[in-house]
N, C-alpha and C. Protein backbone atom coordinates (compact mmCIF):
# COMPACT_ATOMS: atom_id res chain seq x y z
N UNK A 1 100.75 76.33 147.91
CA UNK A 1 101.62 77.50 147.55
C UNK A 1 101.25 78.46 146.68
N UNK A 2 100.56 79.67 147.06
CA UNK A 2 100.70 80.55 145.89
C UNK A 2 101.75 81.00 144.90
N UNK A 3 101.39 81.23 143.60
CA UNK A 3 102.20 81.66 142.66
C UNK A 3 102.20 82.97 142.51
N UNK A 4 103.69 83.64 142.07
CA UNK A 4 103.55 84.80 142.14
C UNK A 4 102.87 85.23 140.53
N UNK A 5 102.36 86.58 140.50
CA UNK A 5 101.89 87.03 139.29
C UNK A 5 102.49 87.34 138.44
N UNK A 6 102.03 87.11 137.14
CA UNK A 6 102.68 87.09 135.64
C UNK A 6 103.67 88.40 135.59
N UNK A 7 104.73 88.41 135.25
CA UNK A 7 105.62 89.23 134.73
C UNK A 7 106.21 90.17 136.09
N UNK A 8 105.93 89.33 137.47
CA UNK A 8 106.90 89.76 138.81
C UNK A 8 108.05 88.61 139.10
N UNK A 9 109.20 88.91 139.37
CA UNK A 9 110.10 87.91 139.72
C UNK A 9 109.92 87.14 141.06
N UNK A 10 109.56 86.52 141.31
CA UNK A 10 109.13 85.97 142.76
C UNK A 10 110.37 86.06 143.76
N UNK A 11 111.60 86.13 143.36
CA UNK A 11 112.49 86.26 144.32
C UNK A 11 112.67 87.62 144.86
N UNK A 12 112.32 88.88 144.01
CA UNK A 12 112.93 90.07 144.44
C UNK A 12 111.85 90.99 144.57
N UNK A 13 110.36 90.44 143.84
CA UNK A 13 109.03 90.97 143.89
C UNK A 13 108.95 92.22 142.92
N UNK A 14 110.29 92.19 142.31
CA UNK A 14 110.02 93.34 141.37
C UNK A 14 109.60 92.80 139.70
N UNK A 15 109.52 93.86 138.81
CA UNK A 15 109.07 93.51 137.37
C UNK A 15 110.11 92.58 136.73
N UNK A 16 109.67 91.67 136.16
CA UNK A 16 110.72 90.78 135.48
C UNK A 16 110.76 91.21 134.00
N UNK A 17 111.82 92.10 133.80
CA UNK A 17 112.02 92.70 132.34
C UNK A 17 112.28 92.10 131.34
N UNK A 18 112.72 90.53 131.40
CA UNK A 18 112.96 89.56 130.62
C UNK A 18 111.88 88.75 130.26
N UNK A 19 110.72 88.39 131.03
CA UNK A 19 109.42 88.19 130.87
C UNK A 19 108.47 89.02 129.97
N UNK A 20 108.80 90.33 130.52
CA UNK A 20 107.97 91.37 129.64
C UNK A 20 108.22 91.28 128.29
N UNK A 21 109.54 91.24 127.81
CA UNK A 21 110.26 91.66 126.47
C UNK A 21 110.11 89.98 125.86
N UNK A 22 110.08 89.08 126.59
CA UNK A 22 109.81 87.87 125.89
C UNK A 22 108.47 87.44 125.58
N UNK A 23 107.39 88.47 125.93
CA UNK A 23 106.07 88.32 125.81
C UNK A 23 105.76 89.40 124.93
N UNK A 24 106.28 90.56 124.81
CA UNK A 24 106.27 91.76 124.07
C UNK A 24 106.71 91.69 122.47
N UNK A 25 107.84 90.68 122.38
CA UNK A 25 108.20 90.65 120.97
C UNK A 25 107.20 90.11 120.08
N UNK A 26 106.63 88.70 120.52
CA UNK A 26 105.77 88.18 119.60
C UNK A 26 104.54 88.80 119.19
N UNK A 27 104.24 89.69 120.13
CA UNK A 27 102.92 90.65 120.36
C UNK A 27 103.03 91.80 118.99
N UNK A 28 104.40 92.28 119.30
CA UNK A 28 104.59 93.15 118.39
C UNK A 28 104.83 92.86 116.86
N UNK A 29 105.43 91.71 116.84
CA UNK A 29 105.34 90.95 115.62
C UNK A 29 104.08 90.74 115.05
N UNK A 30 103.26 90.34 115.49
CA UNK A 30 101.96 89.79 115.19
C UNK A 30 101.31 90.86 114.68
N UNK A 31 101.13 92.20 115.41
CA UNK A 31 100.89 93.66 115.31
C UNK A 31 101.45 93.96 113.82
N UNK A 32 102.72 93.95 113.91
CA UNK A 32 103.54 94.69 112.71
C UNK A 32 103.05 93.75 111.59
N UNK A 33 102.55 92.48 111.53
CA UNK A 33 102.40 91.62 110.49
C UNK A 33 101.09 92.22 109.77
N UNK A 34 100.28 92.41 110.46
CA UNK A 34 98.66 92.99 110.38
C UNK A 34 98.90 94.63 109.67
N UNK A 35 99.79 95.40 110.11
CA UNK A 35 99.87 96.51 109.91
C UNK A 35 100.66 96.63 108.51
N UNK A 36 101.62 95.69 108.08
CA UNK A 36 102.20 95.64 106.66
C UNK A 36 101.05 95.10 105.77
N UNK A 37 100.31 93.97 106.25
CA UNK A 37 99.80 93.47 105.39
C UNK A 37 98.30 94.54 104.96
N UNK A 38 97.93 95.56 105.95
CA UNK A 38 97.17 96.04 105.58
C UNK A 38 97.51 97.21 104.97
N UNK A 39 98.75 97.72 105.09
CA UNK A 39 99.43 98.99 104.58
C UNK A 39 99.37 98.64 102.95
N UNK A 40 99.62 97.53 102.39
CA UNK A 40 99.65 97.11 100.93
C UNK A 40 98.70 97.53 100.31
N UNK A 41 97.19 97.15 100.55
CA UNK A 41 96.08 97.72 99.88
C UNK A 41 95.90 99.17 100.06
N UNK A 42 96.07 99.43 101.48
CA UNK A 42 96.03 101.14 101.54
C UNK A 42 96.83 101.97 100.62
N UNK A 43 98.44 101.86 100.48
CA UNK A 43 99.26 102.13 99.72
C UNK A 43 98.63 102.21 98.20
N UNK A 44 98.33 100.90 97.66
CA UNK A 44 97.89 100.67 96.52
C UNK A 44 96.47 101.83 95.88
N UNK A 45 95.51 101.55 96.95
CA UNK A 45 94.26 102.59 96.87
C UNK A 45 94.56 104.14 97.03
N UNK A 46 95.25 104.31 97.92
CA UNK A 46 95.65 105.82 98.02
C UNK A 46 96.41 106.45 97.15
N UNK A 47 97.48 105.68 96.67
CA UNK A 47 98.59 106.56 96.18
C UNK A 47 98.25 105.90 94.31
N UNK A 48 97.83 104.70 94.24
CA UNK A 48 97.91 104.43 93.20
C UNK A 48 96.65 104.56 92.30
N UNK A 49 95.58 104.61 92.92
CA UNK A 49 94.18 104.98 92.35
C UNK A 49 93.70 106.38 92.55
N UNK A 50 94.03 106.79 93.64
CA UNK A 50 93.50 108.20 94.18
C UNK A 50 92.02 108.02 94.61
N UNK A 51 90.97 108.97 94.46
CA UNK A 51 89.70 109.00 94.82
C UNK A 51 89.07 108.38 93.53
N UNK A 52 89.06 107.16 92.91
CA UNK A 52 88.47 106.65 91.80
C UNK A 52 87.61 105.53 92.96
N UNK A 53 86.78 104.78 92.48
CA UNK A 53 86.14 103.67 92.87
C UNK A 53 86.90 102.34 93.39
N UNK A 54 87.71 102.25 92.63
CA UNK A 54 88.94 101.18 92.69
C UNK A 54 89.82 101.46 93.75
N UNK A 55 90.25 102.57 93.99
CA UNK A 55 90.75 103.05 95.34
C UNK A 55 89.97 103.11 96.47
N UNK A 56 88.71 103.40 96.63
CA UNK A 56 88.10 103.30 97.45
C UNK A 56 87.85 101.98 98.28
N UNK A 57 87.83 100.90 97.12
CA UNK A 57 87.64 99.26 97.33
C UNK A 57 89.32 98.86 98.20
N UNK A 58 90.18 99.20 97.76
CA UNK A 58 91.29 99.26 98.33
C UNK A 58 91.58 99.61 99.44
N UNK A 59 91.23 101.01 99.93
CA UNK A 59 91.49 101.54 101.42
C UNK A 59 90.13 100.59 102.16
N UNK A 60 89.00 100.49 101.41
CA UNK A 60 87.98 99.70 102.58
C UNK A 60 88.65 98.20 103.11
N UNK A 61 89.11 97.85 101.77
CA UNK A 61 89.96 96.17 102.19
C UNK A 61 91.37 96.49 103.25
N UNK A 62 91.99 97.55 103.03
CA UNK A 62 92.82 97.74 104.22
C UNK A 62 92.19 98.04 105.69
N UNK A 63 91.38 98.73 105.65
CA UNK A 63 90.31 98.78 107.00
C UNK A 63 90.20 97.40 107.66
N UNK A 64 89.85 96.78 106.71
CA UNK A 64 89.08 95.23 106.91
C UNK A 64 90.06 94.79 107.41
N UNK A 65 91.38 94.45 106.82
CA UNK A 65 92.40 94.05 107.08
C UNK A 65 92.85 94.35 108.65
N UNK A 66 92.76 95.50 108.93
CA UNK A 66 93.35 96.34 110.18
C UNK A 66 92.24 95.62 111.07
N UNK A 67 91.06 95.93 110.93
CA UNK A 67 89.84 95.22 111.99
C UNK A 67 90.25 93.84 112.36
N UNK A 68 90.28 93.08 111.10
CA UNK A 68 90.41 91.42 111.59
C UNK A 68 91.85 91.34 112.50
N UNK A 69 92.60 91.93 112.06
CA UNK A 69 93.94 92.02 112.86
C UNK A 69 94.05 92.32 114.14
N UNK A 70 93.24 93.54 114.72
CA UNK A 70 92.81 93.62 115.98
C UNK A 70 92.24 93.01 116.56
N UNK A 71 91.22 92.01 115.61
CA UNK A 71 90.88 90.87 116.43
C UNK A 71 91.36 89.90 116.84
N UNK A 72 92.36 89.62 115.96
CA UNK A 72 93.45 88.40 116.19
C UNK A 72 94.12 88.82 117.41
N UNK A 73 94.83 90.09 117.20
CA UNK A 73 95.41 90.33 118.20
C UNK A 73 94.78 90.35 119.74
N UNK A 74 93.80 90.75 119.75
CA UNK A 74 92.94 90.48 120.99
C UNK A 74 92.50 89.23 121.66
N UNK A 75 92.42 88.48 120.58
CA UNK A 75 92.23 87.15 121.19
C UNK A 75 93.19 86.31 121.49
N UNK A 76 94.84 86.73 120.65
CA UNK A 76 96.05 86.32 121.43
C UNK A 76 96.39 86.73 122.57
N UNK A 77 96.16 87.99 122.68
CA UNK A 77 96.46 88.46 123.99
C UNK A 77 95.74 87.66 125.26
N UNK A 78 94.17 87.64 124.97
CA UNK A 78 93.10 86.86 125.95
C UNK A 78 93.90 85.51 126.07
N UNK A 79 94.01 84.95 125.09
CA UNK A 79 94.87 83.30 125.41
C UNK A 79 95.96 83.06 126.03
N UNK A 80 96.70 84.44 125.76
CA UNK A 80 98.37 84.20 126.49
C UNK A 80 98.22 84.61 127.73
N UNK A 81 97.10 85.39 128.14
CA UNK A 81 97.03 86.17 129.56
C UNK A 81 96.35 84.69 130.37
N UNK A 82 95.49 84.05 129.66
CA UNK A 82 94.94 82.95 130.43
C UNK A 82 95.85 82.15 130.55
N UNK A 83 97.07 81.73 129.83
CA UNK A 83 97.77 80.98 130.02
C UNK A 83 98.86 81.31 130.99
N UNK A 84 99.11 82.60 130.97
CA UNK A 84 99.99 82.86 131.88
C UNK A 84 99.55 82.87 133.71
N UNK A 85 98.43 83.05 133.31
CA UNK A 85 97.60 83.07 134.56
C UNK A 85 97.39 81.64 135.59
N UNK A 86 97.52 80.36 134.42
CA UNK A 86 97.55 79.19 134.82
C UNK A 86 98.76 78.49 135.30
N UNK A 87 99.98 79.35 134.60
CA UNK A 87 101.42 78.85 135.07
C UNK A 87 101.45 79.14 136.53
């Protein structure tokens, strides 16, 4: 028997809003976590040290954290999508 696609209510064929929200909340938390972690060195570099070399290093560190966070989020989305497709 074919299963219904993810995020679709099999009974009505409409979007399953509860499932969409239950999948969006952990994703939003993961994005928010890396945003907060990246904001800390960015704010130290931009507001604490200005245009000095130390400030540039902190801003570069913040960009690195955001780049790694984007990669982690993409990996999470791919793995979770694969899990949902197998269910």
